[in-house]
Amino acid sequence: MMSIMRRASCRVAASAFARRADTQAFAPKRFLVSAANGELQDEKSLLADMESKENLDAPAGWSLTYTEGKGFFRMSKADGGVEVVIDCEFKAHSSDDGTTGFTVLFTRNGITADFTLVYDEGEHSLKLEGLATYHNKSTAVDLTPQAECDRDNHYEGPQVEDLETTEVCTKVLELLEANGVSSDLGQFIHKKVQHLEQKAYCGFLQDLATLAA
């Protein structure tokens, strides 16, 4: 009789332990879902406010392509024998110091130039930070692994600091502005980066909530 009672007592204890284990395992998931959903609601409100206040459509004459979930977008236009492609990478929910960097690929007369620019929101200005040239447009523009490898092995161009005693940097910026790459476009890119960062962060929070649900 004592043996039967002990076995029954063990079964009751094991059942209670299993319930406690289930509760302990469930609690972190529940807390994560709650935290992620709380943050998500706040961030969605910020996103909606941003979209209601800003015109985030590509400027006239430009096309913009972006794949949901990617940290990259591309803009392009072609006019009068000139092709311009703009590539901009971003990281979700990164800190904003008022500047945004992007690459301009400018093709004319069989040459593609790769210009690295930075837009400064405080000064509403563009600054040239790098430049290189290519005879093969696909090497500069394509997003294939082979093109990326070819770019890595290509001459990177001079240091911008070495051109400070010349007018090269100023004339490059004038050429770009004459073809639509202006401070106003830089401002649009800066705002678009903030918008897509916010969307990406909301998507991340939704994924986290789904993971723990």
N, C-alpha and C. Protein backbone atom coordinates (compact mmCIF):
# COMPACT_ATOMS: atom_id res chain seq x y z
N MET A 1 0.83 -1.20 0.00
CA MET A 1 0.00 0.00 0.00
C MET A 1 0.86 1.25 0.00
N MET A 2 1.93 1.25 0.79
CA MET A 2 2.82 2.41 0.85
C MET A 2 3.48 2.64 -0.49
N SER A 3 3.83 1.52 -1.18
CA SER A 3 4.49 1.65 -2.49
C SER A 3 3.55 2.29 -3.50
N ILE A 4 2.27 1.91 -3.47
CA ILE A 4 1.29 2.48 -4.39
C ILE A 4 1.12 3.96 -4.11
N MET A 5 1.06 4.33 -2.86
CA MET A 5 0.89 5.73 -2.49
C MET A 5 2.09 6.56 -2.94
N ARG A 6 3.28 5.98 -2.77
CA ARG A 6 4.49 6.71 -3.19
C ARG A 6 4.49 6.92 -4.70
N ARG A 7 4.05 5.88 -5.46
CA ARG A 7 4.01 6.02 -6.92
C ARG A 7 3.02 7.08 -7.33
N ALA A 8 1.87 7.12 -6.66
CA ALA A 8 0.86 8.13 -6.97
C ALA A 8 1.38 9.52 -6.65
N SER A 9 2.06 9.62 -5.52
CA SER A 9 2.64 10.91 -5.12
C SER A 9 3.66 11.38 -6.13
N CYS A 10 4.47 10.47 -6.66
CA CYS A 10 5.48 10.81 -7.67
C CYS A 10 4.82 11.31 -8.94
N ARG A 11 3.68 10.65 -9.33
CA ARG A 11 2.99 11.08 -10.55
C ARG A 11 2.43 12.48 -10.40
N VAL A 12 1.89 12.78 -9.23
CA VAL A 12 1.36 14.11 -8.97
C VAL A 12 2.47 15.15 -9.01
N ALA A 13 3.61 14.83 -8.40
CA ALA A 13 4.75 15.76 -8.38
C ALA A 13 5.28 15.99 -9.79
N ALA A 14 5.36 14.92 -10.58
CA ALA A 14 5.86 15.05 -11.95
C ALA A 14 4.92 15.92 -12.78
N SER A 15 3.61 15.75 -12.57
CA SER A 15 2.62 16.55 -13.32
C SER A 15 2.75 18.02 -12.95
N ALA A 16 2.94 18.30 -11.66
CA ALA A 16 3.09 19.68 -11.22
C ALA A 16 4.36 20.30 -11.78
N PHE A 17 5.45 19.51 -11.83
CA PHE A 17 6.71 20.01 -12.39
C PHE A 17 6.55 20.34 -13.87
N ALA A 18 5.82 19.48 -14.60
CA ALA A 18 5.62 19.71 -16.03
C ALA A 18 4.84 20.99 -16.26
N ARG A 19 3.81 21.23 -15.39
CA ARG A 19 3.02 22.46 -15.54
C ARG A 19 3.88 23.69 -15.27
N ARG A 20 4.74 23.59 -14.24
CA ARG A 20 5.62 24.72 -13.94
C ARG A 20 6.59 24.95 -15.09
N ALA A 21 7.12 23.88 -15.69
CA ALA A 21 8.06 24.00 -16.81
C ALA A 21 7.39 24.66 -18.00
N ASP A 22 6.12 24.24 -18.27
CA ASP A 22 5.39 24.85 -19.38
C ASP A 22 5.18 26.34 -19.14
N THR A 23 4.82 26.69 -17.91
CA THR A 23 4.58 28.09 -17.57
C THR A 23 5.85 28.91 -17.70
N GLN A 24 6.97 28.32 -17.22
CA GLN A 24 8.26 29.02 -17.30
C GLN A 24 8.70 29.21 -18.74
N ALA A 25 8.43 28.22 -19.59
CA ALA A 25 8.81 28.33 -21.00
C ALA A 25 7.93 29.34 -21.73
N PHE A 26 6.65 29.41 -21.32
CA PHE A 26 5.71 30.30 -21.99
C PHE A 26 5.94 31.77 -21.63
N ALA A 27 6.35 32.03 -20.41
CA ALA A 27 6.48 33.41 -19.93
C ALA A 27 7.41 34.25 -20.79
N PRO A 28 8.65 33.80 -21.10
CA PRO A 28 9.52 34.64 -21.93
C PRO A 28 8.93 34.94 -23.29
N LYS A 29 8.24 33.96 -23.89
CA LYS A 29 7.62 34.19 -25.19
C LYS A 29 6.53 35.25 -25.08
N ARG A 30 5.70 35.12 -24.03
CA ARG A 30 4.61 36.08 -23.84
C ARG A 30 5.16 37.49 -23.63
N PHE A 31 6.23 37.59 -22.84
CA PHE A 31 6.81 38.90 -22.57
C PHE A 31 7.43 39.49 -23.85
N LEU A 32 8.06 38.64 -24.67
CA LEU A 32 8.67 39.13 -25.91
C LEU A 32 7.59 39.60 -26.89
N VAL A 33 6.51 38.85 -27.01
CA VAL A 33 5.42 39.25 -27.88
C VAL A 33 4.86 40.59 -27.44
N SER A 34 4.65 40.74 -26.14
CA SER A 34 4.11 41.99 -25.60
C SER A 34 5.05 43.16 -25.87
N ALA A 35 6.35 42.93 -25.63
CA ALA A 35 7.33 44.01 -25.85
C ALA A 35 7.41 44.38 -27.32
N ALA A 36 7.47 43.38 -28.20
CA ALA A 36 7.59 43.64 -29.63
C ALA A 36 6.34 44.35 -30.16
N ASN A 37 5.16 43.90 -29.73
CA ASN A 37 3.92 44.52 -30.21
C ASN A 37 3.78 45.95 -29.69
N GLY A 38 4.21 46.18 -28.45
CA GLY A 38 4.15 47.53 -27.91
C GLY A 38 5.03 48.49 -28.69
N GLU A 39 6.26 48.05 -28.95
CA GLU A 39 7.18 48.87 -29.74
C GLU A 39 6.66 49.04 -31.16
N LEU A 40 6.07 47.97 -31.71
CA LEU A 40 5.57 48.01 -33.08
C LEU A 40 4.47 49.06 -33.24
N GLN A 41 3.57 49.14 -32.29
CA GLN A 41 2.49 50.12 -32.38
C GLN A 41 3.04 51.54 -32.38
N ASP A 42 4.04 51.79 -31.52
CA ASP A 42 4.65 53.12 -31.47
C ASP A 42 5.34 53.46 -32.79
N GLU A 43 6.07 52.49 -33.33
CA GLU A 43 6.82 52.73 -34.56
C GLU A 43 5.90 52.84 -35.77
N LYS A 44 4.79 52.11 -35.77
CA LYS A 44 3.82 52.24 -36.86
C LYS A 44 3.20 53.63 -36.86
N SER A 45 2.99 54.18 -35.67
CA SER A 45 2.44 55.54 -35.57
C SER A 45 3.43 56.54 -36.15
N LEU A 46 4.71 56.35 -35.85
CA LEU A 46 5.73 57.23 -36.41
C LEU A 46 5.79 57.10 -37.93
N LEU A 47 5.66 55.88 -38.43
CA LEU A 47 5.69 55.64 -39.87
C LEU A 47 4.51 56.31 -40.55
N ALA A 48 3.33 56.16 -39.97
CA ALA A 48 2.13 56.78 -40.55
C ALA A 48 2.25 58.30 -40.55
N ASP A 49 2.80 58.85 -39.48
CA ASP A 49 2.99 60.30 -39.39
C ASP A 49 3.98 60.77 -40.45
N MET A 50 5.05 60.01 -40.65
CA MET A 50 6.06 60.33 -41.65
C MET A 50 5.44 60.32 -43.05
N GLU A 51 4.64 59.30 -43.35
CA GLU A 51 4.05 59.16 -44.68
C GLU A 51 2.98 60.21 -44.95
N SER A 52 2.36 60.72 -43.89
CA SER A 52 1.33 61.74 -44.07
C SER A 52 1.92 63.12 -44.31
N LYS A 53 3.16 63.33 -43.84
CA LYS A 53 3.77 64.66 -43.91
C LYS A 53 4.72 64.85 -45.09
N GLU A 54 5.28 63.75 -45.58
CA GLU A 54 6.31 63.85 -46.62
C GLU A 54 5.82 63.27 -47.94
N ASN A 55 6.26 63.88 -49.04
CA ASN A 55 6.04 63.30 -50.36
C ASN A 55 7.20 62.35 -50.63
N LEU A 56 6.93 61.07 -50.56
CA LEU A 56 7.98 60.06 -50.65
C LEU A 56 8.00 59.35 -52.00
N ASP A 57 7.25 59.90 -52.97
CA ASP A 57 7.29 59.37 -54.33
C ASP A 57 8.53 59.90 -55.04
N ALA A 58 9.08 59.12 -55.96
CA ALA A 58 10.26 59.54 -56.70
C ALA A 58 9.99 60.83 -57.46
N PRO A 59 10.95 61.74 -57.49
CA PRO A 59 10.75 63.00 -58.23
C PRO A 59 10.49 62.74 -59.72
N ALA A 60 9.90 63.72 -60.37
CA ALA A 60 9.57 63.59 -61.80
C ALA A 60 10.81 63.23 -62.61
N GLY A 61 10.64 62.26 -63.50
CA GLY A 61 11.74 61.84 -64.36
C GLY A 61 12.58 60.71 -63.80
N TRP A 62 12.41 60.40 -62.51
CA TRP A 62 13.18 59.35 -61.86
C TRP A 62 12.30 58.13 -61.59
N SER A 63 12.89 56.96 -61.73
CA SER A 63 12.22 55.74 -61.29
C SER A 63 12.94 55.23 -60.04
N LEU A 64 12.20 54.58 -59.16
CA LEU A 64 12.78 54.07 -57.91
C LEU A 64 12.36 52.63 -57.73
N THR A 65 13.33 51.75 -57.50
CA THR A 65 13.04 50.34 -57.28
C THR A 65 13.56 49.93 -55.91
N TYR A 66 12.70 49.19 -55.21
CA TYR A 66 13.05 48.72 -53.87
C TYR A 66 12.34 47.40 -53.62
N THR A 67 13.07 46.43 -53.09
CA THR A 67 12.50 45.14 -52.73
C THR A 67 12.30 45.08 -51.23
N GLU A 68 11.07 44.80 -50.81
CA GLU A 68 10.73 44.76 -49.39
C GLU A 68 11.69 43.84 -48.64
N GLY A 69 12.20 44.32 -47.54
CA GLY A 69 13.11 43.53 -46.71
C GLY A 69 14.58 43.75 -47.02
N LYS A 70 14.86 44.41 -48.14
CA LYS A 70 16.24 44.69 -48.50
C LYS A 70 16.70 46.01 -47.87
N GLY A 71 18.01 46.17 -47.68
CA GLY A 71 18.56 47.40 -47.14
C GLY A 71 19.18 48.25 -48.23
N PHE A 72 18.49 48.33 -49.36
CA PHE A 72 19.08 48.95 -50.55
C PHE A 72 17.96 49.40 -51.48
N PHE A 73 18.13 50.57 -52.10
CA PHE A 73 17.21 50.95 -53.19
C PHE A 73 17.99 51.63 -54.30
N ARG A 74 17.39 51.64 -55.48
CA ARG A 74 18.04 52.19 -56.68
C ARG A 74 17.10 53.15 -57.39
N MET A 75 17.66 54.28 -57.83
CA MET A 75 16.93 55.24 -58.64
C MET A 75 17.63 55.36 -59.99
N SER A 76 16.88 55.71 -61.03
CA SER A 76 17.50 55.84 -62.35
C SER A 76 16.72 56.80 -63.23
N LYS A 77 17.43 57.37 -64.20
CA LYS A 77 16.81 58.21 -65.23
C LYS A 77 17.73 58.23 -66.44
N ALA A 78 17.16 58.51 -67.59
CA ALA A 78 17.92 58.63 -68.82
C ALA A 78 17.37 59.80 -69.61
N ASP A 79 18.27 60.66 -70.09
CA ASP A 79 17.81 61.85 -70.81
C ASP A 79 18.97 62.43 -71.62
N GLY A 80 18.73 62.65 -72.91
CA GLY A 80 19.71 63.31 -73.75
C GLY A 80 21.06 62.64 -73.84
N GLY A 81 21.05 61.32 -73.90
CA GLY A 81 22.31 60.58 -74.03
C GLY A 81 23.03 60.37 -72.71
N VAL A 82 22.42 60.77 -71.61
CA VAL A 82 23.00 60.59 -70.29
C VAL A 82 22.15 59.61 -69.49
N GLU A 83 22.79 58.63 -68.89
CA GLU A 83 22.11 57.69 -68.00
C GLU A 83 22.64 57.89 -66.59
N VAL A 84 21.73 58.02 -65.63
CA VAL A 84 22.13 58.21 -64.24
C VAL A 84 21.47 57.14 -63.38
N VAL A 85 22.27 56.45 -62.61
CA VAL A 85 21.77 55.45 -61.66
C VAL A 85 22.28 55.84 -60.28
N ILE A 86 21.38 55.81 -59.30
CA ILE A 86 21.75 56.14 -57.92
C ILE A 86 21.47 54.93 -57.05
N ASP A 87 22.49 54.49 -56.31
CA ASP A 87 22.35 53.39 -55.38
C ASP A 87 22.51 53.90 -53.96
N CYS A 88 21.63 53.46 -53.08
CA CYS A 88 21.70 53.89 -51.68
C CYS A 88 21.43 52.71 -50.77
N GLU A 89 22.35 52.43 -49.86
CA GLU A 89 22.17 51.38 -48.87
C GLU A 89 21.80 52.02 -47.54
N PHE A 90 21.11 51.26 -46.71
CA PHE A 90 20.76 51.75 -45.38
C PHE A 90 20.65 50.59 -44.42
N LYS A 91 20.74 50.90 -43.14
CA LYS A 91 20.58 49.91 -42.08
C LYS A 91 19.36 50.26 -41.26
N ALA A 92 18.54 49.24 -40.97
CA ALA A 92 17.29 49.49 -40.27
C ALA A 92 17.52 50.15 -38.92
N HIS A 93 16.78 51.20 -38.68
CA HIS A 93 16.77 51.92 -37.41
C HIS A 93 18.15 52.41 -36.99
N SER A 94 18.95 52.84 -37.97
CA SER A 94 20.27 53.40 -37.65
C SER A 94 20.10 54.81 -37.13
N SER A 95 21.11 55.27 -36.39
CA SER A 95 21.05 56.63 -35.86
C SER A 95 21.21 57.63 -37.00
N ASP A 96 20.57 58.76 -36.87
CA ASP A 96 20.59 59.76 -37.94
C ASP A 96 21.43 60.95 -37.51
N ASP A 97 22.56 61.15 -38.19
CA ASP A 97 23.43 62.29 -37.88
C ASP A 97 23.20 63.43 -38.85
N GLY A 98 22.12 63.34 -39.64
CA GLY A 98 21.81 64.41 -40.57
C GLY A 98 22.49 64.28 -41.91
N THR A 99 23.17 63.17 -42.16
CA THR A 99 23.83 62.97 -43.45
C THR A 99 23.41 61.62 -44.04
N THR A 100 23.44 61.54 -45.36
CA THR A 100 23.16 60.30 -46.07
C THR A 100 24.12 60.17 -47.24
N GLY A 101 24.78 59.02 -47.31
CA GLY A 101 25.70 58.76 -48.42
C GLY A 101 25.04 57.93 -49.50
N PHE A 102 25.42 58.17 -50.74
CA PHE A 102 24.90 57.37 -51.85
C PHE A 102 25.87 57.43 -53.02
N THR A 103 25.67 56.53 -53.97
CA THR A 103 26.54 56.41 -55.14
C THR A 103 25.79 56.84 -56.38
N VAL A 104 26.42 57.67 -57.20
CA VAL A 104 25.86 58.08 -58.49
C VAL A 104 26.70 57.46 -59.60
N LEU A 105 26.05 56.69 -60.46
CA LEU A 105 26.70 56.09 -61.62
C LEU A 105 26.25 56.86 -62.85
N PHE A 106 27.15 57.61 -63.43
CA PHE A 106 26.84 58.58 -64.48
C PHE A 106 27.49 58.12 -65.79
N THR A 107 26.65 57.78 -66.78
CA THR A 107 27.16 57.23 -68.04
C THR A 107 26.92 58.21 -69.19
N ARG A 108 28.01 58.51 -69.91
CA ARG A 108 27.92 59.39 -71.08
C ARG A 108 29.15 59.15 -71.95
N ASN A 109 28.95 59.16 -73.27
CA ASN A 109 30.05 59.00 -74.24
C ASN A 109 30.88 57.73 -73.97
N GLY A 110 30.22 56.65 -73.54
CA GLY A 110 30.91 55.37 -73.37
C GLY A 110 31.68 55.24 -72.07
N ILE A 111 31.62 56.23 -71.22
CA ILE A 111 32.31 56.19 -69.93
C ILE A 111 31.27 56.23 -68.81
N THR A 112 31.46 55.38 -67.81
CA THR A 112 30.62 55.43 -66.62
C THR A 112 31.47 55.89 -65.44
N ALA A 113 31.05 56.97 -64.83
CA ALA A 113 31.75 57.48 -63.65
C ALA A 113 31.00 57.07 -62.40
N ASP A 114 31.74 56.69 -61.39
CA ASP A 114 31.19 56.30 -60.10
C ASP A 114 31.53 57.41 -59.11
N PHE A 115 30.50 58.18 -58.70
CA PHE A 115 30.70 59.28 -57.78
C PHE A 115 30.06 58.94 -56.42
N THR A 116 30.83 59.03 -55.36
CA THR A 116 30.31 58.85 -54.01
C THR A 116 29.97 60.22 -53.44
N LEU A 117 28.71 60.41 -53.08
CA LEU A 117 28.24 61.69 -52.58
C LEU A 117 27.68 61.54 -51.17
N VAL A 118 27.71 62.65 -50.43
CA VAL A 118 27.08 62.71 -49.12
C VAL A 118 26.19 63.94 -49.07
N TYR A 119 24.93 63.72 -48.69
CA TYR A 119 24.02 64.85 -48.50
C TYR A 119 24.03 65.25 -47.03
N ASP A 120 24.19 66.55 -46.76
CA ASP A 120 24.18 67.10 -45.41
C ASP A 120 22.88 67.87 -45.21
N GLU A 121 22.02 67.36 -44.34
CA GLU A 121 20.72 67.98 -44.13
C GLU A 121 20.85 69.38 -43.53
N GLY A 122 21.78 69.56 -42.60
CA GLY A 122 21.95 70.85 -41.95
C GLY A 122 22.35 71.95 -42.92
N GLU A 123 23.20 71.59 -43.88
CA GLU A 123 23.69 72.58 -44.85
C GLU A 123 22.93 72.52 -46.17
N HIS A 124 22.05 71.52 -46.31
CA HIS A 124 21.32 71.28 -47.56
C HIS A 124 22.30 71.33 -48.74
N SER A 125 23.31 70.47 -48.67
CA SER A 125 24.35 70.49 -49.69
C SER A 125 24.86 69.08 -49.97
N LEU A 126 25.49 68.93 -51.13
CA LEU A 126 26.12 67.68 -51.52
C LEU A 126 27.64 67.85 -51.46
N LYS A 127 28.31 66.79 -51.03
CA LYS A 127 29.77 66.78 -50.98
C LYS A 127 30.28 65.55 -51.72
N LEU A 128 31.30 65.75 -52.54
CA LEU A 128 31.91 64.64 -53.27
C LEU A 128 32.96 63.98 -52.39
N GLU A 129 32.84 62.65 -52.21
CA GLU A 129 33.78 61.95 -51.34
C GLU A 129 34.54 60.84 -52.04
N GLY A 130 34.24 60.59 -53.31
CA GLY A 130 34.97 59.56 -54.04
C GLY A 130 34.58 59.58 -55.50
N LEU A 131 35.51 59.18 -56.38
CA LEU A 131 35.21 59.13 -57.81
C LEU A 131 36.12 58.15 -58.52
N ALA A 132 35.53 57.44 -59.47
CA ALA A 132 36.27 56.49 -60.29
C ALA A 132 35.57 56.42 -61.64
N THR A 133 36.25 55.88 -62.64
CA THR A 133 35.66 55.76 -63.98
C THR A 133 35.80 54.34 -64.51
N TYR A 134 34.85 53.96 -65.37
CA TYR A 134 34.84 52.62 -65.98
C TYR A 134 34.59 52.75 -67.47
N HIS A 135 35.23 51.90 -68.26
CA HIS A 135 34.96 51.82 -69.69
C HIS A 135 33.85 50.81 -69.96
N ASN A 136 33.59 49.95 -68.99
CA ASN A 136 32.55 48.93 -69.13
C ASN A 136 31.41 49.28 -68.18
N LYS A 137 30.30 49.72 -68.73
CA LYS A 137 29.18 50.15 -67.91
C LYS A 137 28.67 49.04 -66.98
N SER A 138 28.61 47.82 -67.48
CA SER A 138 28.06 46.72 -66.68
C SER A 138 28.90 46.47 -65.43
N THR A 139 30.21 46.69 -65.54
CA THR A 139 31.06 46.52 -64.36
C THR A 139 30.67 47.49 -63.26
N ALA A 140 30.32 48.70 -63.64
CA ALA A 140 29.96 49.73 -62.67
C ALA A 140 28.54 49.58 -62.15
N VAL A 141 27.63 49.13 -63.01
CA VAL A 141 26.20 49.21 -62.69
C VAL A 141 25.60 47.89 -62.23
N ASP A 142 26.05 46.77 -62.80
CA ASP A 142 25.42 45.49 -62.50
C ASP A 142 25.59 45.10 -61.03
N LEU A 143 24.61 44.33 -60.54
CA LEU A 143 24.62 43.90 -59.14
C LEU A 143 24.97 42.43 -59.00
N THR A 144 25.60 41.86 -60.02
CA THR A 144 25.97 40.45 -59.98
C THR A 144 27.25 40.25 -59.17
N PRO A 145 27.47 39.03 -58.65
CA PRO A 145 28.72 38.75 -57.92
C PRO A 145 29.97 39.03 -58.77
N GLN A 146 29.90 38.72 -60.08
CA GLN A 146 31.05 38.96 -60.94
C GLN A 146 31.35 40.45 -61.06
N ALA A 147 30.29 41.27 -61.23
CA ALA A 147 30.49 42.72 -61.33
C ALA A 147 31.06 43.28 -60.03
N GLU A 148 30.58 42.78 -58.90
CA GLU A 148 31.09 43.24 -57.61
C GLU A 148 32.56 42.88 -57.46
N CYS A 149 32.93 41.68 -57.91
CA CYS A 149 34.33 41.26 -57.86
C CYS A 149 35.19 42.15 -58.76
N ASP A 150 34.67 42.45 -59.96
CA ASP A 150 35.42 43.31 -60.89
C ASP A 150 35.60 44.72 -60.31
N ARG A 151 34.59 45.22 -59.62
CA ARG A 151 34.69 46.55 -59.01
C ARG A 151 35.74 46.54 -57.90
N ASP A 152 35.78 45.46 -57.15
CA ASP A 152 36.75 45.36 -56.06
C ASP A 152 38.18 45.41 -56.58
N ASN A 153 38.38 44.91 -57.80
CA ASN A 153 39.72 44.86 -58.38
C ASN A 153 40.03 46.04 -59.29
N HIS A 154 39.08 46.97 -59.39
CA HIS A 154 39.24 48.12 -60.28
C HIS A 154 39.95 49.27 -59.56
N TYR A 155 40.63 50.11 -60.33
CA TYR A 155 41.26 51.30 -59.76
C TYR A 155 40.20 52.17 -59.09
N GLU A 156 40.41 52.51 -57.84
CA GLU A 156 39.38 53.21 -57.05
C GLU A 156 39.33 54.71 -57.30
N GLY A 157 40.25 55.21 -58.09
CA GLY A 157 40.28 56.65 -58.32
C GLY A 157 41.13 57.37 -57.28
N PRO A 158 41.39 58.64 -57.49
CA PRO A 158 42.25 59.40 -56.58
C PRO A 158 41.53 59.73 -55.27
N GLN A 159 42.31 60.08 -54.26
CA GLN A 159 41.74 60.62 -53.03
C GLN A 159 41.17 62.01 -53.32
N VAL A 160 39.98 62.27 -52.84
CA VAL A 160 39.36 63.57 -53.08
C VAL A 160 40.22 64.69 -52.54
N GLU A 161 40.90 64.44 -51.42
CA GLU A 161 41.77 65.45 -50.83
C GLU A 161 42.87 65.89 -51.79
N ASP A 162 43.30 64.98 -52.66
CA ASP A 162 44.36 65.30 -53.62
C ASP A 162 43.86 66.24 -54.73
N LEU A 163 42.54 66.41 -54.82
CA LEU A 163 41.97 67.26 -55.86
C LEU A 163 41.54 68.63 -55.34
N GLU A 164 41.80 68.88 -54.06
CA GLU A 164 41.32 70.12 -53.45
C GLU A 164 41.93 71.37 -54.07
N THR A 165 43.12 71.25 -54.64
CA THR A 165 43.76 72.43 -55.25
C THR A 165 43.30 72.62 -56.69
N THR A 166 42.43 71.74 -57.17
CA THR A 166 41.90 71.85 -58.53
C THR A 166 40.42 72.22 -58.45
N GLU A 167 39.80 72.36 -59.61
CA GLU A 167 38.36 72.63 -59.66
C GLU A 167 37.56 71.38 -60.01
N VAL A 168 38.23 70.22 -59.98
CA VAL A 168 37.58 68.98 -60.42
C VAL A 168 36.32 68.69 -59.61
N CYS A 169 36.42 68.73 -58.28
CA CYS A 169 35.27 68.39 -57.44
C CYS A 169 34.10 69.35 -57.68
N THR A 170 34.40 70.62 -57.77
CA THR A 170 33.35 71.61 -58.01
C THR A 170 32.67 71.37 -59.35
N LYS A 171 33.47 71.09 -60.38
CA LYS A 171 32.91 70.88 -61.72
C LYS A 171 32.12 69.58 -61.80
N VAL A 172 32.53 68.56 -61.05
CA VAL A 172 31.76 67.32 -61.00
C VAL A 172 30.38 67.59 -60.43
N LEU A 173 30.32 68.32 -59.33
CA LEU A 173 29.03 68.64 -58.70
C LEU A 173 28.16 69.49 -59.62
N GLU A 174 28.79 70.38 -60.39
CA GLU A 174 28.03 71.20 -61.34
C GLU A 174 27.46 70.33 -62.46
N LEU A 175 28.26 69.38 -62.95
CA LEU A 175 27.79 68.46 -63.98
C LEU A 175 26.62 67.63 -63.48
N LEU A 176 26.72 67.13 -62.27
CA LEU A 176 25.64 66.32 -61.70
C LEU A 176 24.38 67.14 -61.51
N GLU A 177 24.53 68.36 -61.02
CA GLU A 177 23.35 69.21 -60.81
C GLU A 177 22.65 69.51 -62.12
N ALA A 178 23.44 69.72 -63.17
CA ALA A 178 22.85 69.99 -64.49
C ALA A 178 22.08 68.79 -65.02
N ASN A 179 22.33 67.63 -64.44
CA ASN A 179 21.63 66.41 -64.87
C ASN A 179 20.72 65.85 -63.78
N GLY A 180 20.29 66.73 -62.90
CA GLY A 180 19.24 66.35 -61.95
C GLY A 180 19.68 65.86 -60.60
N VAL A 181 21.00 65.72 -60.39
CA VAL A 181 21.50 65.27 -59.08
C VAL A 181 21.87 66.51 -58.28
N SER A 182 20.87 67.06 -57.60
CA SER A 182 21.01 68.32 -56.90
C SER A 182 20.87 68.12 -55.39
N SER A 183 21.01 69.21 -54.65
CA SER A 183 20.79 69.15 -53.21
C SER A 183 19.36 68.75 -52.89
N ASP A 184 18.42 69.20 -53.72
CA ASP A 184 17.01 68.83 -53.51
C ASP A 184 16.82 67.33 -53.67
N LEU A 185 17.50 66.74 -54.65
CA LEU A 185 17.41 65.29 -54.80
C LEU A 185 18.07 64.60 -53.61
N GLY A 186 19.19 65.15 -53.15
CA GLY A 186 19.84 64.61 -51.96
C GLY A 186 18.91 64.62 -50.76
N GLN A 187 18.14 65.69 -50.63
CA GLN A 187 17.18 65.78 -49.53
C GLN A 187 16.11 64.70 -49.65
N PHE A 188 15.63 64.46 -50.88
CA PHE A 188 14.65 63.40 -51.09
C PHE A 188 15.24 62.04 -50.69
N ILE A 189 16.46 61.76 -51.13
CA ILE A 189 17.11 60.49 -50.81
C ILE A 189 17.25 60.34 -49.30
N HIS A 190 17.65 61.41 -48.64
CA HIS A 190 17.79 61.39 -47.18
C HIS A 190 16.47 61.02 -46.51
N LYS A 191 15.38 61.61 -46.95
CA LYS A 191 14.07 61.33 -46.37
C LYS A 191 13.59 59.92 -46.73
N LYS A 192 13.91 59.49 -47.95
CA LYS A 192 13.51 58.14 -48.37
C LYS A 192 14.22 57.09 -47.54
N VAL A 193 15.49 57.33 -47.24
CA VAL A 193 16.24 56.40 -46.39
C VAL A 193 15.58 56.29 -45.02
N GLN A 194 15.21 57.42 -44.42
CA GLN A 194 14.54 57.39 -43.13
C GLN A 194 13.22 56.63 -43.21
N HIS A 195 12.49 56.84 -44.30
CA HIS A 195 11.21 56.15 -44.49
C HIS A 195 11.40 54.64 -44.60
N LEU A 196 12.33 54.21 -45.44
CA LEU A 196 12.54 52.78 -45.63
C LEU A 196 13.16 52.12 -44.40
N GLU A 197 14.01 52.85 -43.67
CA GLU A 197 14.52 52.35 -42.41
C GLU A 197 13.38 52.08 -41.44
N GLN A 198 12.45 53.02 -41.37
CA GLN A 198 11.32 52.88 -40.45
C GLN A 198 10.46 51.68 -40.84
N LYS A 199 10.21 51.52 -42.14
CA LYS A 199 9.42 50.37 -42.61
C LYS A 199 10.13 49.06 -42.29
N ALA A 200 11.45 49.04 -42.49
CA ALA A 200 12.22 47.83 -42.22
C ALA A 200 12.19 47.48 -40.74
N TYR A 201 12.28 48.50 -39.89
CA TYR A 201 12.25 48.26 -38.45
C TYR A 201 10.89 47.73 -38.01
N CYS A 202 9.82 48.28 -38.56
CA CYS A 202 8.48 47.77 -38.26
C CYS A 202 8.35 46.31 -38.70
N GLY A 203 8.90 45.98 -39.86
CA GLY A 203 8.87 44.60 -40.33
C GLY A 203 9.65 43.67 -39.42
N PHE A 204 10.77 44.15 -38.92
CA PHE A 204 11.58 43.36 -37.98
C PHE A 204 10.80 43.09 -36.70
N LEU A 205 10.15 44.11 -36.16
CA LEU A 205 9.38 43.93 -34.93
C LEU A 205 8.22 42.95 -35.14
N GLN A 206 7.58 43.03 -36.31
CA GLN A 206 6.49 42.10 -36.62
C GLN A 206 7.01 40.68 -36.68
N ASP A 207 8.18 40.50 -37.30
CA ASP A 207 8.79 39.17 -37.38
C ASP A 207 9.11 38.63 -35.98
N LEU A 208 9.61 39.49 -35.11
CA LEU A 208 9.96 39.07 -33.76
C LEU A 208 8.72 38.64 -32.98
N ALA A 209 7.65 39.41 -33.12
CA ALA A 209 6.39 39.07 -32.45
C ALA A 209 5.84 37.73 -32.97
N THR A 210 5.92 37.54 -34.29
CA THR A 210 5.46 36.27 -34.89
C THR A 210 6.31 35.11 -34.43
N LEU A 211 7.61 35.31 -34.33
CA LEU A 211 8.54 34.26 -33.89
C LEU A 211 8.19 33.77 -32.50
N ALA A 212 7.82 34.68 -31.61
CA ALA A 212 7.58 34.32 -30.21
C ALA A 212 6.13 33.96 -29.91
N ALA A 213 5.25 34.17 -30.90
CA ALA A 213 3.82 33.94 -30.66
C ALA A 213 3.51 32.46 -30.38
